[in-house]
Amino acid sequence: MTETSRNLEQLPDIEGLDHSISPLKNKPKTYWRILIKFSDKQKTFEQRFRVALSEQDQEVCIREAHNLKGVSANLGMVDLQASCLNLEQACKQGLQGIDAPLEEVLNALQEMITRIDKS
């Protein structure tokens, strides 16, 4: 099946992805293309975040968590969005003690990337 022939009914049933709440739900080709871009770009999230963390750059850590939260929300990734919200809030409190929320995000993100890539 080509990308141009996909519609929401033909999109893979990806666990943790709720098409119905995405603002792109009526634009299946765009939705699918953005899912693929999401997977490709977010494979480097951990690296980007850890660089900022090692530099104690709180602003970049907050922005990385916030950006991932927003993209997740727009794509209907409810669990990942919630994990990102927890990480963003933890980063706003300081960069010490963010290990648990960061691991939660990394696990949820890796699961989503794997599901998208297998679809």
PDB file of N, CA and C in Angstrom:
ATOM      1  N   MET A   1       0.855  -1.165   0.000  1.00  0.00           N
ATOM      2  CA  MET A   1       0.000   0.000   0.000  1.00  0.00           C
ATOM      3  C   MET A   1       0.903   1.230   0.000  1.00  0.00           C
ATOM      4  N   THR A   2       0.612   2.176  -0.844  1.00  0.00           N
ATOM      5  CA  THR A   2       1.402   3.394  -0.889  1.00  0.00           C
ATOM      6  C   THR A   2       0.904   4.374   0.144  1.00  0.00           C
ATOM      7  N   GLU A   3       1.765   5.340   0.497  1.00  0.00           N
ATOM      8  CA  GLU A   3       1.388   6.346   1.479  1.00  0.00           C
ATOM      9  C   GLU A   3       0.166   7.131   1.019  1.00  0.00           C
ATOM     10  N   THR A   4       0.076   7.389  -0.277  1.00  0.00           N
ATOM     11  CA  THR A   4      -1.035   8.200  -0.783  1.00  0.00           C
ATOM     12  C   THR A   4      -2.369   7.477  -0.732  1.00  0.00           C
ATOM     13  N   SER A   5      -2.368   6.156  -0.606  1.00  0.00           N
ATOM     14  CA  SER A   5      -3.629   5.423  -0.548  1.00  0.00           C
ATOM     15  C   SER A   5      -4.082   5.151   0.888  1.00  0.00           C
ATOM     16  N   ARG A   6      -3.327   5.583   1.865  1.00  0.00           N
ATOM     17  CA  ARG A   6      -3.701   5.347   3.263  1.00  0.00           C
ATOM     18  C   ARG A   6      -4.793   6.310   3.702  1.00  0.00           C
ATOM     19  N   ASN A   7      -5.640   5.839   4.606  1.00  0.00           N
ATOM     20  CA  ASN A   7      -6.550   6.711   5.329  1.00  0.00           C
ATOM     21  C   ASN A   7      -6.580   6.230   6.775  1.00  0.00           C
ATOM     22  N   LEU A   8      -7.280   6.930   7.630  1.00  0.00           N
ATOM     23  CA  LEU A   8      -7.240   6.563   9.044  1.00  0.00           C
ATOM     24  C   LEU A   8      -7.692   5.138   9.298  1.00  0.00           C
ATOM     25  N   GLU A   9      -8.642   4.669   8.537  1.00  0.00           N
ATOM     26  CA  GLU A   9      -9.101   3.299   8.723  1.00  0.00           C
ATOM     27  C   GLU A   9      -8.023   2.292   8.336  1.00  0.00           C
ATOM     28  N   GLN A  10      -7.109   2.698   7.481  1.00  0.00           N
ATOM     29  CA  GLN A  10      -6.058   1.798   7.027  1.00  0.00           C
ATOM     30  C   GLN A  10      -4.762   1.972   7.808  1.00  0.00           C
ATOM     31  N   LEU A  11      -4.688   2.999   8.646  1.00  0.00           N
ATOM     32  CA  LEU A  11      -3.497   3.154   9.465  1.00  0.00           C
ATOM     33  C   LEU A  11      -3.374   1.960  10.406  1.00  0.00           C
ATOM     34  N   PRO A  12      -2.180   1.570  10.692  1.00  0.00           N
ATOM     35  CA  PRO A  12      -1.997   0.457  11.622  1.00  0.00           C
ATOM     36  C   PRO A  12      -2.608   0.782  12.981  1.00  0.00           C
ATOM     37  N   ASP A  13      -3.102  -0.230  13.613  1.00  0.00           N
ATOM     38  CA  ASP A  13      -3.638  -0.068  14.956  1.00  0.00           C
ATOM     39  C   ASP A  13      -2.455  -0.095  15.908  1.00  0.00           C
ATOM     40  N   ILE A  14      -1.961   1.084  16.251  1.00  0.00           N
ATOM     41  CA  ILE A  14      -0.771   1.193  17.095  1.00  0.00           C
ATOM     42  C   ILE A  14      -1.211   1.432  18.533  1.00  0.00           C
ATOM     43  N   GLU A  15      -0.823   0.527  19.407  1.00  0.00           N
ATOM     44  CA  GLU A  15      -1.156   0.663  20.821  1.00  0.00           C
ATOM     45  C   GLU A  15      -0.583   1.970  21.358  1.00  0.00           C
ATOM     46  N   GLY A  16      -1.394   2.701  22.108  1.00  0.00           N
ATOM     47  CA  GLY A  16      -0.951   3.952  22.692  1.00  0.00           C
ATOM     48  C   GLY A  16      -1.129   5.157  21.789  1.00  0.00           C
ATOM     49  N   LEU A  17      -1.731   4.951  20.628  1.00  0.00           N
ATOM     50  CA  LEU A  17      -1.944   6.023  19.662  1.00  0.00           C
ATOM     51  C   LEU A  17      -3.440   6.169  19.433  1.00  0.00           C
ATOM     52  N   ASP A  18      -3.985   7.320  19.807  1.00  0.00           N
ATOM     53  CA  ASP A  18      -5.415   7.567  19.661  1.00  0.00           C
ATOM     54  C   ASP A  18      -5.636   8.559  18.527  1.00  0.00           C
ATOM     55  N   HIS A  19      -5.915   8.028  17.331  1.00  0.00           N
ATOM     56  CA  HIS A  19      -6.128   8.882  16.158  1.00  0.00           C
ATOM     57  C   HIS A  19      -7.258   9.873  16.380  1.00  0.00           C
ATOM     58  N   SER A  20      -8.267   9.476  17.127  1.00  0.00           N
ATOM     59  CA  SER A  20      -9.497  10.270  17.233  1.00  0.00           C
ATOM     60  C   SER A  20      -9.280  11.618  17.903  1.00  0.00           C
ATOM     61  N   ILE A  21      -8.249  11.763  18.725  1.00  0.00           N
ATOM     62  CA  ILE A  21      -8.036  13.047  19.403  1.00  0.00           C
ATOM     63  C   ILE A  21      -7.009  13.921  18.695  1.00  0.00           C
ATOM     64  N   SER A  22      -6.419  13.415  17.655  1.00  0.00           N
ATOM     65  CA  SER A  22      -5.419  14.197  16.929  1.00  0.00           C
ATOM     66  C   SER A  22      -6.091  15.238  16.043  1.00  0.00           C
ATOM     67  N   PRO A  23      -5.549  16.455  16.017  1.00  0.00           N
ATOM     68  CA  PRO A  23      -6.092  17.455  15.099  1.00  0.00           C
ATOM     69  C   PRO A  23      -5.879  17.071  13.629  1.00  0.00           C
ATOM     70  N   LEU A  24      -5.069  16.062  13.396  1.00  0.00           N
ATOM     71  CA  LEU A  24      -4.800  15.596  12.034  1.00  0.00           C
ATOM     72  C   LEU A  24      -5.679  14.422  11.632  1.00  0.00           C
ATOM     73  N   LYS A  25      -6.661  14.082  12.444  1.00  0.00           N
ATOM     74  CA  LYS A  25      -7.460  12.888  12.193  1.00  0.00           C
ATOM     75  C   LYS A  25      -8.171  12.900  10.841  1.00  0.00           C
ATOM     76  N   ASN A  26      -8.423  14.055  10.296  1.00  0.00           N
ATOM     77  CA  ASN A  26      -9.083  14.141   8.995  1.00  0.00           C
ATOM     78  C   ASN A  26      -8.103  14.359   7.850  1.00  0.00           C
ATOM     79  N   LYS A  27      -6.825  14.244   8.137  1.00  0.00           N
ATOM     80  CA  LYS A  27      -5.776  14.408   7.121  1.00  0.00           C
ATOM     81  C   LYS A  27      -4.843  13.195   7.188  1.00  0.00           C
ATOM     82  N   PRO A  28      -5.328  12.042   6.740  1.00  0.00           N
ATOM     83  CA  PRO A  28      -4.583  10.804   6.940  1.00  0.00           C
ATOM     84  C   PRO A  28      -3.185  10.791   6.322  1.00  0.00           C
ATOM     85  N   LYS A  29      -3.023  11.338   5.131  1.00  0.00           N
ATOM     86  CA  LYS A  29      -1.684  11.331   4.518  1.00  0.00           C
ATOM     87  C   LYS A  29      -0.711  12.166   5.344  1.00  0.00           C
ATOM     88  N   THR A  30      -1.160  13.310   5.792  1.00  0.00           N
ATOM     89  CA  THR A  30      -0.326  14.176   6.624  1.00  0.00           C
ATOM     90  C   THR A  30      -0.032  13.495   7.960  1.00  0.00           C
ATOM     91  N   TYR A  31      -1.049  12.888   8.529  1.00  0.00           N
ATOM     92  CA  TYR A  31      -0.901  12.198   9.816  1.00  0.00           C
ATOM     93  C   TYR A  31       0.169  11.109   9.720  1.00  0.00           C
ATOM     94  N   TRP A  32       0.054  10.292   8.690  1.00  0.00           N
ATOM     95  CA  TRP A  32       1.006   9.197   8.524  1.00  0.00           C
ATOM     96  C   TRP A  32       2.422   9.728   8.311  1.00  0.00           C
ATOM     97  N   ARG A  33       2.557  10.772   7.462  1.00  0.00           N
ATOM     98  CA  ARG A  33       3.873  11.348   7.178  1.00  0.00           C
ATOM     99  C   ARG A  33       4.501  11.907   8.463  1.00  0.00           C
ATOM    100  N   ILE A  34       3.693  12.561   9.286  1.00  0.00           N
ATOM    101  CA  ILE A  34       4.207  13.132  10.527  1.00  0.00           C
ATOM    102  C   ILE A  34       4.570  12.039  11.528  1.00  0.00           C
ATOM    103  N   LEU A  35       3.820  10.958  11.560  1.00  0.00           N
ATOM    104  CA  LEU A  35       4.194   9.823  12.425  1.00  0.00           C
ATOM    105  C   LEU A  35       5.583   9.316  12.080  1.00  0.00           C
ATOM    106  N   ILE A  36       5.863   9.170  10.802  1.00  0.00           N
ATOM    107  CA  ILE A  36       7.178   8.689  10.357  1.00  0.00           C
ATOM    108  C   ILE A  36       8.262   9.700  10.727  1.00  0.00           C
ATOM    109  N   LYS A  37       7.997  10.979  10.512  1.00  0.00           N
ATOM    110  CA  LYS A  37       8.966  12.014  10.888  1.00  0.00           C
ATOM    111  C   LYS A  37       9.190  12.030  12.398  1.00  0.00           C
ATOM    112  N   PHE A  38       8.104  11.847  13.150  1.00  0.00           N
ATOM    113  CA  PHE A  38       8.208  11.788  14.607  1.00  0.00           C
ATOM    114  C   PHE A  38       9.183  10.684  15.005  1.00  0.00           C
ATOM    115  N   SER A  39       8.975   9.511  14.458  1.00  0.00           N
ATOM    116  CA  SER A  39       9.833   8.375  14.788  1.00  0.00           C
ATOM    117  C   SER A  39      11.290   8.676  14.450  1.00  0.00           C
ATOM    118  N   ASP A  40      11.518   9.209  13.273  1.00  0.00           N
ATOM    119  CA  ASP A  40      12.894   9.510  12.857  1.00  0.00           C
ATOM    120  C   ASP A  40      13.545  10.559  13.755  1.00  0.00           C
ATOM    121  N   LYS A  41      12.856  11.657  14.002  1.00  0.00           N
ATOM    122  CA  LYS A  41      13.445  12.753  14.782  1.00  0.00           C
ATOM    123  C   LYS A  41      13.624  12.389  16.247  1.00  0.00           C
ATOM    124  N   GLN A  42      12.656  11.716  16.821  1.00  0.00           N
ATOM    125  CA  GLN A  42      12.694  11.476  18.263  1.00  0.00           C
ATOM    126  C   GLN A  42      13.641  10.350  18.659  1.00  0.00           C
ATOM    127  N   LYS A  43      14.218   9.681  17.692  1.00  0.00           N
ATOM    128  CA  LYS A  43      15.243   8.675  18.011  1.00  0.00           C
ATOM    129  C   LYS A  43      16.458   9.330  18.651  1.00  0.00           C
ATOM    130  N   THR A  44      16.610  10.634  18.489  1.00  0.00           N
ATOM    131  CA  THR A  44      17.740  11.349  19.088  1.00  0.00           C
ATOM    132  C   THR A  44      17.338  12.150  20.330  1.00  0.00           C
ATOM    133  N   PHE A  45      16.113  11.979  20.796  1.00  0.00           N
ATOM    134  CA  PHE A  45      15.668  12.736  21.972  1.00  0.00           C
ATOM    135  C   PHE A  45      16.584  12.492  23.165  1.00  0.00           C
ATOM    136  N   GLU A  46      16.869  11.230  23.451  1.00  0.00           N
ATOM    137  CA  GLU A  46      17.690  10.931  24.632  1.00  0.00           C
ATOM    138  C   GLU A  46      19.050  11.607  24.529  1.00  0.00           C
ATOM    139  N   GLN A  47      19.668  11.532  23.377  1.00  0.00           N
ATOM    140  CA  GLN A  47      20.978  12.155  23.197  1.00  0.00           C
ATOM    141  C   GLN A  47      20.898  13.670  23.424  1.00  0.00           C
ATOM    142  N   ARG A  48      19.912  14.323  22.802  1.00  0.00           N
ATOM    143  CA  ARG A  48      19.754  15.776  22.960  1.00  0.00           C
ATOM    144  C   ARG A  48      19.513  16.141  24.417  1.00  0.00           C
ATOM    145  N   PHE A  49      18.655  15.373  25.068  1.00  0.00           N
ATOM    146  CA  PHE A  49      18.313  15.676  26.459  1.00  0.00           C
ATOM    147  C   PHE A  49      19.522  15.469  27.368  1.00  0.00           C
ATOM    148  N   ARG A  50      20.243  14.378  27.175  1.00  0.00           N
ATOM    149  CA  ARG A  50      21.385  14.091  28.049  1.00  0.00           C
ATOM    150  C   ARG A  50      22.520  15.093  27.861  1.00  0.00           C
ATOM    151  N   VAL A  51      22.696  15.592  26.648  1.00  0.00           N
ATOM    152  CA  VAL A  51      23.702  16.640  26.428  1.00  0.00           C
ATOM    153  C   VAL A  51      23.320  17.875  27.245  1.00  0.00           C
ATOM    154  N   ALA A  52      22.065  18.284  27.148  1.00  0.00           N
ATOM    155  CA  ALA A  52      21.602  19.444  27.913  1.00  0.00           C
ATOM    156  C   ALA A  52      21.735  19.188  29.413  1.00  0.00           C
ATOM    157  N   LEU A  53      21.428  17.978  29.834  1.00  0.00           N
ATOM    158  CA  LEU A  53      21.523  17.617  31.247  1.00  0.00           C
ATOM    159  C   LEU A  53      22.974  17.673  31.722  1.00  0.00           C
ATOM    160  N   SER A  54      23.888  17.146  30.910  1.00  0.00           N
ATOM    161  CA  SER A  54      25.303  17.161  31.299  1.00  0.00           C
ATOM    162  C   SER A  54      25.856  18.580  31.378  1.00  0.00           C
ATOM    163  N   GLU A  55      25.260  19.484  30.606  1.00  0.00           N
ATOM    164  CA  GLU A  55      25.664  20.897  30.642  1.00  0.00           C
ATOM    165  C   GLU A  55      24.860  21.689  31.672  1.00  0.00           C
ATOM    166  N   GLN A  56      24.006  20.979  32.415  1.00  0.00           N
ATOM    167  CA  GLN A  56      23.137  21.603  33.424  1.00  0.00           C
ATOM    168  C   GLN A  56      22.306  22.738  32.818  1.00  0.00           C
ATOM    169  N   ASP A  57      21.872  22.533  31.581  1.00  0.00           N
ATOM    170  CA  ASP A  57      21.086  23.539  30.880  1.00  0.00           C
ATOM    171  C   ASP A  57      19.605  23.261  31.107  1.00  0.00           C
ATOM    172  N   GLN A  58      19.090  23.806  32.179  1.00  0.00           N
ATOM    173  CA  GLN A  58      17.710  23.567  32.581  1.00  0.00           C
ATOM    174  C   GLN A  58      16.733  24.032  31.511  1.00  0.00           C
ATOM    175  N   GLU A  59      17.006  25.162  30.896  1.00  0.00           N
ATOM    176  CA  GLU A  59      16.101  25.707  29.884  1.00  0.00           C
ATOM    177  C   GLU A  59      15.947  24.749  28.700  1.00  0.00           C
ATOM    178  N   VAL A  60      17.049  24.179  28.232  1.00  0.00           N
ATOM    179  CA  VAL A  60      16.978  23.244  27.106  1.00  0.00           C
ATOM    180  C   VAL A  60      16.277  21.957  27.520  1.00  0.00           C
ATOM    181  N   CYS A  61      16.526  21.479  28.718  1.00  0.00           N
ATOM    182  CA  CYS A  61      15.842  20.277  29.199  1.00  0.00           C
ATOM    183  C   CYS A  61      14.328  20.498  29.239  1.00  0.00           C
ATOM    184  N   ILE A  62      13.925  21.640  29.757  1.00  0.00           N
ATOM    185  CA  ILE A  62      12.495  21.960  29.813  1.00  0.00           C
ATOM    186  C   ILE A  62      11.925  22.029  28.400  1.00  0.00           C
ATOM    187  N   ARG A  63      12.648  22.694  27.499  1.00  0.00           N
ATOM    188  CA  ARG A  63      12.160  22.851  26.123  1.00  0.00           C
ATOM    189  C   ARG A  63      12.056  21.504  25.407  1.00  0.00           C
ATOM    190  N   GLU A  64      13.033  20.627  25.593  1.00  0.00           N
ATOM    191  CA  GLU A  64      12.977  19.300  24.960  1.00  0.00           C
ATOM    192  C   GLU A  64      11.766  18.518  25.461  1.00  0.00           C
ATOM    193  N   ALA A  65      11.543  18.529  26.770  1.00  0.00           N
ATOM    194  CA  ALA A  65      10.384  17.820  27.335  1.00  0.00           C
ATOM    195  C   ALA A  65       9.085  18.449  26.845  1.00  0.00           C
ATOM    196  N   HIS A  66       9.045  19.768  26.820  1.00  0.00           N
ATOM    197  CA  HIS A  66       7.844  20.485  26.385  1.00  0.00           C
ATOM    198  C   HIS A  66       7.532  20.199  24.914  1.00  0.00           C
ATOM    199  N   ASN A  67       8.545  20.254  24.058  1.00  0.00           N
ATOM    200  CA  ASN A  67       8.334  20.005  22.633  1.00  0.00           C
ATOM    201  C   ASN A  67       7.839  18.582  22.373  1.00  0.00           C
ATOM    202  N   LEU A  68       8.439  17.611  23.054  1.00  0.00           N
ATOM    203  CA  LEU A  68       8.002  16.225  22.882  1.00  0.00           C
ATOM    204  C   LEU A  68       6.575  16.054  23.399  1.00  0.00           C
ATOM    205  N   LYS A  69       6.257  16.733  24.482  1.00  0.00           N
ATOM    206  CA  LYS A  69       4.889  16.696  25.026  1.00  0.00           C
ATOM    207  C   LYS A  69       3.886  17.220  23.995  1.00  0.00           C
ATOM    208  N   GLY A  70       4.204  18.331  23.363  1.00  0.00           N
ATOM    209  CA  GLY A  70       3.304  18.928  22.387  1.00  0.00           C
ATOM    210  C   GLY A  70       3.093  18.073  21.159  1.00  0.00           C
ATOM    211  N   VAL A  71       4.184  17.541  20.622  1.00  0.00           N
ATOM    212  CA  VAL A  71       4.071  16.678  19.446  1.00  0.00           C
ATOM    213  C   VAL A  71       3.282  15.417  19.796  1.00  0.00           C
ATOM    214  N   SER A  72       3.552  14.864  20.959  1.00  0.00           N
ATOM    215  CA  SER A  72       2.831  13.671  21.399  1.00  0.00           C
ATOM    216  C   SER A  72       1.335  13.939  21.501  1.00  0.00           C
ATOM    217  N   ALA A  73       0.983  15.097  22.035  1.00  0.00           N
ATOM    218  CA  ALA A  73      -0.430  15.459  22.167  1.00  0.00           C
ATOM    219  C   ALA A  73      -1.079  15.585  20.797  1.00  0.00           C
ATOM    220  N   ASN A  74      -0.396  16.239  19.874  1.00  0.00           N
ATOM    221  CA  ASN A  74      -0.962  16.436  18.536  1.00  0.00           C
ATOM    222  C   ASN A  74      -1.130  15.129  17.770  1.00  0.00           C
ATOM    223  N   LEU A  75      -0.346  14.139  18.102  1.00  0.00           N
ATOM    224  CA  LEU A  75      -0.433  12.847  17.417  1.00  0.00           C
ATOM    225  C   LEU A  75      -1.299  11.841  18.166  1.00  0.00           C
ATOM    226  N   GLY A  76      -1.814  12.215  19.329  1.00  0.00           N
ATOM    227  CA  GLY A  76      -2.690  11.316  20.074  1.00  0.00           C
ATOM    228  C   GLY A  76      -1.961  10.283  20.911  1.00  0.00           C
ATOM    229  N   MET A  77      -0.745  10.590  21.327  1.00  0.00           N
ATOM    230  CA  MET A  77       0.057   9.683  22.155  1.00  0.00           C
ATOM    231  C   MET A  77      -0.133  10.070  23.620  1.00  0.00           C
ATOM    232  N   VAL A  78      -1.256   9.674  24.163  1.00  0.00           N
ATOM    233  CA  VAL A  78      -1.702  10.143  25.468  1.00  0.00           C
ATOM    234  C   VAL A  78      -0.726   9.765  26.587  1.00  0.00           C
ATOM    235  N   ASP A  79      -0.287   8.523  26.624  1.00  0.00           N
ATOM    236  CA  ASP A  79       0.617   8.086  27.694  1.00  0.00           C
ATOM    237  C   ASP A  79       1.960   8.786  27.611  1.00  0.00           C
ATOM    238  N   LEU A  80       2.495   8.913  26.406  1.00  0.00           N
ATOM    239  CA  LEU A  80       3.768   9.604  26.230  1.00  0.00           C
ATOM    240  C   LEU A  80       3.625  11.071  26.611  1.00  0.00           C
ATOM    241  N   GLN A  81       2.528  11.677  26.231  1.00  0.00           N
ATOM    242  CA  GLN A  81       2.271  13.077  26.590  1.00  0.00           C
ATOM    243  C   GLN A  81       2.285  13.247  28.108  1.00  0.00           C
ATOM    244  N   ALA A  82       1.627  12.360  28.821  1.00  0.00           N
ATOM    245  CA  ALA A  82       1.574  12.439  30.288  1.00  0.00           C
ATOM    246  C   ALA A  82       2.962  12.279  30.895  1.00  0.00           C
ATOM    247  N   SER A  83       3.748  11.358  30.355  1.00  0.00           N
ATOM    248  CA  SER A  83       5.116  11.162  30.851  1.00  0.00           C
ATOM    249  C   SER A  83       5.960  12.409  30.608  1.00  0.00           C
ATOM    250  N   CYS A  84       5.783  13.026  29.447  1.00  0.00           N
ATOM    251  CA  CYS A  84       6.531  14.247  29.121  1.00  0.00           C
ATOM    252  C   CYS A  84       6.136  15.399  30.037  1.00  0.00           C
ATOM    253  N   LEU A  85       4.857  15.472  30.369  1.00  0.00           N
ATOM    254  CA  LEU A  85       4.402  16.502  31.301  1.00  0.00           C
ATOM    255  C   LEU A  85       5.092  16.337  32.648  1.00  0.00           C
ATOM    256  N   ASN A  86       5.179  15.091  33.132  1.00  0.00           N
ATOM    257  CA  ASN A  86       5.869  14.832  34.404  1.00  0.00           C
ATOM    258  C   ASN A  86       7.335  15.243  34.326  1.00  0.00           C
ATOM    259  N   LEU A  87       7.991  14.932  33.214  1.00  0.00           N
ATOM    260  CA  LEU A  87       9.400  15.294  33.054  1.00  0.00           C
ATOM    261  C   LEU A  87       9.556  16.810  32.988  1.00  0.00           C
ATOM    262  N   GLU A  88       8.708  17.462  32.237  1.00  0.00           N
ATOM    263  CA  GLU A  88       8.785  18.920  32.122  1.00  0.00           C
ATOM    264  C   GLU A  88       8.626  19.573  33.499  1.00  0.00           C
ATOM    265  N   GLN A  89       7.645  19.114  34.257  1.00  0.00           N
ATOM    266  CA  GLN A  89       7.423  19.676  35.593  1.00  0.00           C
ATOM    267  C   GLN A  89       8.608  19.404  36.513  1.00  0.00           C
ATOM    268  N   ALA A  90       9.182  18.208  36.413  1.00  0.00           N
ATOM    269  CA  ALA A  90      10.354  17.883  37.232  1.00  0.00           C
ATOM    270  C   ALA A  90      11.535  18.783  36.866  1.00  0.00           C
ATOM    271  N   CYS A  91      11.731  19.021  35.580  1.00  0.00           N
ATOM    272  CA  CYS A  91      12.828  19.884  35.137  1.00  0.00           C
ATOM    273  C   CYS A  91      12.655  21.311  35.643  1.00  0.00           C
ATOM    274  N   LYS A  92      11.434  21.774  35.717  1.00  0.00           N
ATOM    275  CA  LYS A  92      11.172  23.126  36.209  1.00  0.00           C
ATOM    276  C   LYS A  92      11.527  23.262  37.685  1.00  0.00           C
ATOM    277  N   GLN A  93      11.528  22.126  38.405  1.00  0.00           N
ATOM    278  CA  GLN A  93      11.882  22.128  39.826  1.00  0.00           C
ATOM    279  C   GLN A  93      13.390  22.049  40.033  1.00  0.00           C
ATOM    280  N   GLY A  94      14.127  21.753  38.981  1.00  0.00           N
ATOM    281  CA  GLY A  94      15.578  21.586  39.058  1.00  0.00           C
ATOM    282  C   GLY A  94      15.968  20.290  38.388  1.00  0.00           C
ATOM    283  N   LEU A  95      17.222  20.159  38.052  1.00  0.00           N
ATOM    284  CA  LEU A  95      17.652  18.988  37.280  1.00  0.00           C
ATOM    285  C   LEU A  95      18.067  17.808  38.149  1.00  0.00           C
ATOM    286  N   GLN A  96      18.099  18.001  39.456  1.00  0.00           N
ATOM    287  CA  GLN A  96      18.375  16.881  40.343  1.00  0.00           C
ATOM    288  C   GLN A  96      17.081  16.115  40.548  1.00  0.00           C
ATOM    289  N   GLY A  97      17.178  14.807  40.571  1.00  0.00           N
ATOM    290  CA  GLY A  97      16.000  13.991  40.842  1.00  0.00           C
ATOM    291  C   GLY A  97      15.070  13.803  39.659  1.00  0.00           C
ATOM    292  N   ILE A  98      15.576  13.959  38.439  1.00  0.00           N
ATOM    293  CA  ILE A  98      14.708  13.754  37.275  1.00  0.00           C
ATOM    294  C   ILE A  98      14.909  12.380  36.642  1.00  0.00           C
ATOM    295  N   ASP A  99      15.710  11.547  37.278  1.00  0.00           N
ATOM    296  CA  ASP A  99      16.010  10.231  36.691  1.00  0.00           C
ATOM    297  C   ASP A  99      14.751   9.408  36.431  1.00  0.00           C
ATOM    298  N   ALA A 100      13.857   9.332  37.407  1.00  0.00           N
ATOM    299  CA  ALA A 100      12.646   8.515  37.241  1.00  0.00           C
ATOM    300  C   ALA A 100      11.740   9.059  36.132  1.00  0.00           C
ATOM    301  N   PRO A 101      11.420  10.365  36.126  1.00  0.00           N
ATOM    302  CA  PRO A 101      10.581  10.852  35.031  1.00  0.00           C
ATOM    303  C   PRO A 101      11.262  10.734  33.665  1.00  0.00           C
ATOM    304  N   LEU A 102      12.579  10.909  33.629  1.00  0.00           N
ATOM    305  CA  LEU A 102      13.288  10.764  32.360  1.00  0.00           C
ATOM    306  C   LEU A 102      13.209   9.325  31.861  1.00  0.00           C
ATOM    307  N   GLU A 103      13.425   8.365  32.734  1.00  0.00           N
ATOM    308  CA  GLU A 103      13.340   6.960  32.333  1.00  0.00           C
ATOM    309  C   GLU A 103      11.936   6.601  31.864  1.00  0.00           C
ATOM    310  N   GLU A 104      10.929   7.164  32.521  1.00  0.00           N
ATOM    311  CA  GLU A 104       9.542   6.932  32.117  1.00  0.00           C
ATOM    312  C   GLU A 104       9.316   7.427  30.688  1.00  0.00           C
ATOM    313  N   VAL A 105       9.816   8.619  30.385  1.00  0.00           N
ATOM    314  CA  VAL A 105       9.685   9.169  29.033  1.00  0.00           C
ATOM    315  C   VAL A 105      10.456   8.315  28.034  1.00  0.00           C
ATOM    316  N   LEU A 106      11.693   7.972  28.365  1.00  0.00           N
ATOM    317  CA  LEU A 106      12.515   7.197  27.430  1.00  0.00           C
ATOM    318  C   LEU A 106      11.894   5.839  27.122  1.00  0.00           C
ATOM    319  N   ASN A 107      11.334   5.201  28.132  1.00  0.00           N
ATOM    320  CA  ASN A 107      10.682   3.909  27.904  1.00  0.00           C
ATOM    321  C   ASN A 107       9.438   4.060  27.036  1.00  0.00           C
ATOM    322  N   ALA A 108       8.591   5.046  27.365  1.00  0.00           N
ATOM    323  CA  ALA A 108       7.372   5.267  26.585  1.00  0.00           C
ATOM    324  C   ALA A 108       7.706   5.677  25.153  1.00  0.00           C
ATOM    325  N   LEU A 109       8.716   6.513  24.996  1.00  0.00           N
ATOM    326  CA  LEU A 109       9.121   6.968  23.668  1.00  0.00           C
ATOM    327  C   LEU A 109       9.658   5.810  22.840  1.00  0.00           C
ATOM    328  N   GLN A 110      10.512   4.995  23.429  1.00  0.00           N
ATOM    329  CA  GLN A 110      11.076   3.866  22.686  1.00  0.00           C
ATOM    330  C   GLN A 110       9.983   2.883  22.274  1.00  0.00           C
ATOM    331  N   GLU A 111       9.029   2.640  23.151  1.00  0.00           N
ATOM    332  CA  GLU A 111       7.914   1.756  22.802  1.00  0.00           C
ATOM    333  C   GLU A 111       7.138   2.311  21.613  1.00  0.00           C
ATOM    334  N   MET A 112       6.859   3.612  21.628  1.00  0.00           N
ATOM    335  CA  MET A 112       6.091   4.226  20.546  1.00  0.00           C
ATOM    336  C   MET A 112       6.881   4.191  19.233  1.00  0.00           C
ATOM    337  N   ILE A 113       8.154   4.513  19.290  1.00  0.00           N
ATOM    338  CA  ILE A 113       8.982   4.482  18.080  1.00  0.00           C
ATOM    339  C   ILE A 113       9.009   3.068  17.499  1.00  0.00           C
ATOM    340  N   THR A 114       9.173   2.088  18.350  1.00  0.00           N
ATOM    341  CA  THR A 114       9.194   0.690  17.892  1.00  0.00           C
ATOM    342  C   THR A 114       7.869   0.322  17.235  1.00  0.00           C
ATOM    343  N   ARG A 115       6.767   0.712  17.845  1.00  0.00           N
ATOM    344  CA  ARG A 115       5.443   0.394  17.270  1.00  0.00           C
ATOM    345  C   ARG A 115       5.234   1.074  15.923  1.00  0.00           C
ATOM    346  N   ILE A 116       5.645   2.334  15.818  1.00  0.00           N
ATOM    347  CA  ILE A 116       5.502   3.051  14.550  1.00  0.00           C
ATOM    348  C   ILE A 116       6.374   2.401  13.483  1.00  0.00           C
ATOM    349  N   ASP A 117       7.611   2.099  13.834  1.00  0.00           N
ATOM    350  CA  ASP A 117       8.538   1.517  12.859  1.00  0.00           C
ATOM    351  C   ASP A 117       8.097   0.138  12.378  1.00  0.00           C
ATOM    352  N   LYS A 118       7.401  -0.620  13.225  1.00  0.00           N
ATOM    353  CA  LYS A 118       6.934  -1.953  12.840  1.00  0.00           C
ATOM    354  C   LYS A 118       5.657  -1.911  12.018  1.00  0.00           C
ATOM    355  N   SER A 119       5.001  -0.764  11.983  1.00  0.00           N
ATOM    356  CA  SER A 119       3.717  -0.658  11.294  1.00  0.00           C
ATOM    357  C   SER A 119       3.880  -0.418   9.811  1.00  0.00           C
TER     358      SER A 119
END
